[in-house]
């Protein structure tokens, strides 16, 4: 049986880290399996594809309408394509790689953001990266997380992770607005609004599970 120095408790099973505080366990793990089952993430692949396709069609239609009503200096179709690619990629990460979902999504957003900002800098810094590209990627990530939460049967710790990710994705465009790094505020406001709406929905429907999981993590 292993021991957690953080919780000062013995842990049964073959855990390498404490399931409560994530501290590295000392001692030898039990040969017998843990007394509780590891429930796998279950989802209907066809339902995921149907929802993603529907959302993609809505995004394309909204983009075409926006190009007619609000002509943008950046190619709107390319921007929509970037957002849709991020949308599909985040959903695939969320439903396939749930144990590393936070790290994978953050890496993807950071890489796209740095590449777009660097390209904007080489182009003479017109602000299209902070005005359009980064808020669009953050918005697509928030929508994808909402799809993953709605379709897949998430565990309580997944809801907690997704809440923090949503907060992060909505704070970045909000920071751009505060610092005045945007030439058109609408994309950033859309990202911030979606983030707030998703956080409110998760608190309304899964608030008790999120608070319980947060209490365990903080050992409250």
Protein backbone atom coordinates (compact mmCIF):
# COMPACT_ATOMS: atom_id res chain seq x y z
CA UNK A 1 0.00 0.00 0.00
CA UNK A 2 1.29 3.46 -0.92
CA UNK A 3 1.24 6.56 1.27
CA UNK A 4 0.49 10.18 0.41
CA UNK A 5 2.72 12.69 2.25
CA UNK A 6 0.35 15.55 1.41
CA UNK A 7 -2.85 14.00 2.76
CA UNK A 8 -1.02 11.77 5.28
CA UNK A 9 -3.20 8.88 4.17
CA UNK A 10 -2.72 5.37 2.81
CA UNK A 11 -3.88 4.76 -0.76
CA UNK A 12 -4.99 1.39 -2.03
CA UNK A 13 -4.52 0.28 -5.62
CA UNK A 14 -1.81 0.92 -8.19
CA UNK A 15 -1.95 4.73 -8.08
CA UNK A 16 1.33 6.57 -8.72
CA UNK A 17 -0.08 9.92 -7.58
CA UNK A 18 -2.61 10.72 -4.87
CA UNK A 19 -6.14 10.86 -6.37
CA UNK A 20 -6.95 13.85 -4.13
CA UNK A 21 -3.91 16.17 -4.09
CA UNK A 22 -1.83 14.64 -6.95
CA UNK A 23 1.27 14.30 -4.76
CA UNK A 24 3.68 11.51 -5.66
CA UNK A 25 2.98 8.47 -3.51
CA UNK A 26 5.65 6.64 -1.56
CA UNK A 27 5.87 2.93 -0.96
CA UNK A 28 4.94 -0.04 -3.12
CA UNK A 29 1.53 -0.13 -4.87
CA UNK A 30 -0.83 -3.03 -4.22
CA UNK A 31 -0.75 -5.93 -6.60
CA UNK A 32 -4.52 -6.09 -6.46
CA UNK A 33 -6.51 -3.57 -8.52
CA UNK A 34 -8.16 -0.56 -6.94
CA UNK A 35 -11.47 -1.31 -5.16
CA UNK A 36 -13.42 1.01 -7.50
CA UNK A 37 -13.83 0.68 -11.26
CA UNK A 38 -12.27 3.08 -13.76
CA UNK A 39 -15.31 4.15 -15.75
CA UNK A 40 -14.29 4.89 -19.33
CA UNK A 41 -15.39 7.94 -21.25
CA UNK A 42 -18.35 6.96 -23.42
CA UNK A 43 -19.72 8.82 -26.37
CA UNK A 44 -21.46 8.18 -29.67
CA UNK A 45 -19.02 8.89 -32.50
CA UNK A 46 -21.82 9.47 -34.99
CA UNK A 47 -23.44 11.98 -32.66
CA UNK A 48 -20.13 13.83 -32.28
CA UNK A 49 -19.74 14.04 -36.07
CA UNK A 50 -23.34 15.18 -36.53
CA UNK A 51 -23.03 17.94 -33.95
CA UNK A 52 -19.67 19.11 -35.31
CA UNK A 53 -21.03 19.17 -38.86
CA UNK A 54 -24.09 21.16 -37.81
CA UNK A 55 -21.99 23.65 -35.86
CA UNK A 56 -19.58 23.95 -38.79
CA UNK A 57 -22.42 24.75 -41.21
CA UNK A 58 -23.77 27.37 -38.80
CA UNK A 59 -20.31 28.94 -38.47
CA UNK A 60 -19.83 29.04 -42.25
CA UNK A 61 -23.25 30.61 -42.78
CA UNK A 62 -22.64 33.17 -40.03
CA UNK A 63 -19.22 33.99 -41.53
CA UNK A 64 -20.66 34.58 -45.00
CA UNK A 65 -23.36 36.80 -43.51
CA UNK A 66 -20.81 38.72 -41.45
CA UNK A 67 -18.64 39.31 -44.53
CA UNK A 68 -21.61 40.91 -46.26
CA UNK A 69 -22.68 43.05 -43.29
CA UNK A 70 -19.27 43.74 -41.69
CA UNK A 71 -16.44 43.53 -44.26
CA UNK A 72 -13.23 42.60 -42.43
CA UNK A 73 -9.67 43.46 -43.45
CA UNK A 74 -8.67 39.83 -43.03
CA UNK A 75 -9.98 37.11 -45.31
CA UNK A 76 -13.05 35.94 -43.42
CA UNK A 77 -13.16 32.55 -45.09
CA UNK A 78 -9.61 31.78 -44.03
CA UNK A 79 -10.45 32.92 -40.52
CA UNK A 80 -13.53 30.69 -40.45
CA UNK A 81 -11.45 27.79 -41.69
CA UNK A 82 -8.95 28.33 -38.88
CA UNK A 83 -11.75 28.45 -36.32
CA UNK A 84 -13.38 25.29 -37.68
CA UNK A 85 -10.05 23.44 -37.68
CA UNK A 86 -9.54 24.46 -34.04
CA UNK A 87 -13.11 23.42 -33.24
CA UNK A 88 -12.72 19.91 -34.63
CA UNK A 89 -9.24 19.48 -33.15
CA UNK A 90 -10.31 20.49 -29.64
CA UNK A 91 -13.32 18.14 -29.70
CA UNK A 92 -11.15 15.25 -30.86
CA UNK A 93 -8.64 16.00 -28.10
CA UNK A 94 -11.41 16.26 -25.50
CA UNK A 95 -13.11 12.97 -26.30
CA UNK A 96 -10.02 10.93 -27.17
CA UNK A 97 -7.29 12.25 -24.87
CA UNK A 98 -9.24 13.28 -21.80
CA UNK A 99 -6.38 12.59 -19.39
CA UNK A 100 -4.22 15.25 -21.10
CA UNK A 101 -6.97 17.50 -22.42
CA UNK A 102 -5.85 20.65 -20.59
CA UNK A 103 -2.23 20.35 -21.68
CA UNK A 104 -3.13 19.51 -25.29
CA UNK A 105 -5.62 22.35 -25.76
CA UNK A 106 -3.38 24.93 -24.09
CA UNK A 107 -0.46 23.84 -26.27
CA UNK A 108 -2.59 24.14 -29.41
CA UNK A 109 -3.90 27.61 -28.53
CA UNK A 110 -0.45 28.87 -27.48
CA UNK A 111 1.22 27.60 -30.66
CA UNK A 112 -1.43 29.10 -32.96
CA UNK A 113 -1.37 32.37 -31.02
CA UNK A 114 2.42 32.69 -31.12
CA UNK A 115 2.61 31.84 -34.83
CA UNK A 116 -0.11 34.33 -35.74
CA UNK A 117 1.40 37.07 -33.55
CA UNK A 118 4.84 36.47 -35.07
CA UNK A 119 3.39 36.59 -38.61
CA UNK A 120 1.59 39.81 -37.71
CA UNK A 121 4.87 41.23 -36.42
CA UNK A 122 6.72 40.32 -39.62
CA UNK A 123 3.90 41.91 -41.62
CA UNK A 124 4.40 45.22 -39.83
CA UNK A 125 1.99 44.58 -36.95
CA UNK A 126 -1.50 45.46 -38.16
CA UNK A 127 -3.14 43.84 -35.13
CA UNK A 128 -5.02 41.16 -37.10
CA UNK A 129 -3.62 38.41 -34.86
CA UNK A 130 -4.97 39.89 -31.60
CA UNK A 131 -8.11 41.24 -33.25
CA UNK A 132 -9.23 38.22 -35.25
CA UNK A 133 -7.06 35.08 -35.13
CA UNK A 134 -6.45 34.56 -31.41
CA UNK A 135 -10.04 35.48 -30.32
CA UNK A 136 -11.38 33.18 -33.07
CA UNK A 137 -9.24 30.26 -31.88
CA UNK A 138 -10.32 30.90 -28.27
CA UNK A 139 -13.98 31.09 -29.31
CA UNK A 140 -13.69 27.85 -31.29
CA UNK A 141 -12.06 26.16 -28.30
CA UNK A 142 -14.87 27.29 -25.98
CA UNK A 143 -17.55 26.01 -28.40
CA UNK A 144 -15.67 22.72 -28.77
CA UNK A 145 -15.46 22.30 -25.00
CA UNK A 146 -19.21 22.92 -24.79
CA UNK A 147 -19.82 20.20 -27.38
CA UNK A 148 -17.55 17.77 -25.53
CA UNK A 149 -19.24 18.46 -22.20
CA UNK A 150 -22.69 18.04 -23.76
CA UNK A 151 -21.99 14.81 -25.67
CA UNK A 152 -19.48 12.88 -23.57
CA UNK A 153 -20.13 11.51 -20.11
CA UNK A 154 -17.56 13.48 -18.19
CA UNK A 155 -16.20 12.75 -14.75
CA UNK A 156 -16.33 15.46 -12.06
CA UNK A 157 -12.64 16.29 -12.42
CA UNK A 158 -13.21 16.79 -16.17
CA UNK A 159 -15.82 19.46 -15.45
CA UNK A 160 -13.35 21.23 -13.18
CA UNK A 161 -10.62 21.16 -15.83
CA UNK A 162 -13.01 22.39 -18.52
CA UNK A 163 -14.16 25.23 -16.29
CA UNK A 164 -10.61 26.46 -15.85
CA UNK A 165 -9.93 26.10 -19.57
CA UNK A 166 -13.06 28.09 -20.44
CA UNK A 167 -12.05 30.82 -18.03
CA UNK A 168 -8.59 30.96 -19.59
CA UNK A 169 -9.93 31.08 -23.16
CA UNK A 170 -12.27 33.95 -22.34
CA UNK A 171 -9.70 35.93 -20.32
CA UNK A 172 -7.18 36.19 -23.16
CA UNK A 173 -9.43 38.16 -25.57
CA UNK A 174 -10.70 40.15 -22.60
CA UNK A 175 -7.11 41.13 -21.82
CA UNK A 176 -6.68 42.28 -25.43
CA UNK A 177 -9.72 44.52 -25.01
CA UNK A 178 -8.40 46.03 -21.79
CA UNK A 179 -4.95 46.69 -23.28
CA UNK A 180 -6.38 48.12 -26.49
CA UNK A 181 -4.66 45.57 -28.73
CA UNK A 182 -7.66 45.15 -31.05
CA UNK A 183 -8.83 47.24 -33.99
CA UNK A 184 -12.32 45.71 -33.92
CA UNK A 185 -13.72 44.62 -30.53
CA UNK A 186 -16.50 42.27 -31.74
CA UNK A 187 -14.47 39.00 -32.04
CA UNK A 188 -13.05 39.46 -28.54
CA UNK A 189 -16.44 40.31 -27.05
CA UNK A 190 -17.93 37.18 -28.66
CA UNK A 191 -15.22 35.05 -27.05
CA UNK A 192 -15.68 36.68 -23.65
CA UNK A 193 -19.47 36.38 -23.85
CA UNK A 194 -19.36 32.70 -24.82
CA UNK A 195 -16.93 31.97 -22.02
CA UNK A 196 -19.13 33.63 -19.41
CA UNK A 197 -22.23 31.87 -20.78
CA UNK A 198 -20.54 28.44 -20.70
CA UNK A 199 -19.22 28.96 -17.18
CA UNK A 200 -22.71 29.94 -16.06
CA UNK A 201 -24.24 26.89 -17.73
CA UNK A 202 -21.70 24.52 -16.18
CA UNK A 203 -22.31 26.02 -12.76
CA UNK A 204 -26.07 25.74 -13.22
CA UNK A 205 -26.07 22.10 -14.33
CA UNK A 206 -22.84 20.70 -12.81
CA UNK A 207 -22.08 23.21 -10.07
CA UNK A 208 -22.41 20.75 -7.20
CA UNK A 209 -20.00 18.27 -8.81
CA UNK A 210 -17.51 21.03 -9.65
CA UNK A 211 -17.57 22.41 -6.11
CA UNK A 212 -17.21 18.93 -4.64
CA UNK A 213 -14.23 18.16 -6.87
CA UNK A 214 -12.66 21.54 -6.08
CA UNK A 215 -13.13 20.86 -2.37
CA UNK A 216 -11.29 17.55 -2.74
CA UNK A 217 -8.44 19.19 -4.64
CA UNK A 218 -8.11 21.88 -1.98
CA UNK A 219 -8.70 19.30 0.79
CA UNK A 220 -11.58 21.37 2.18
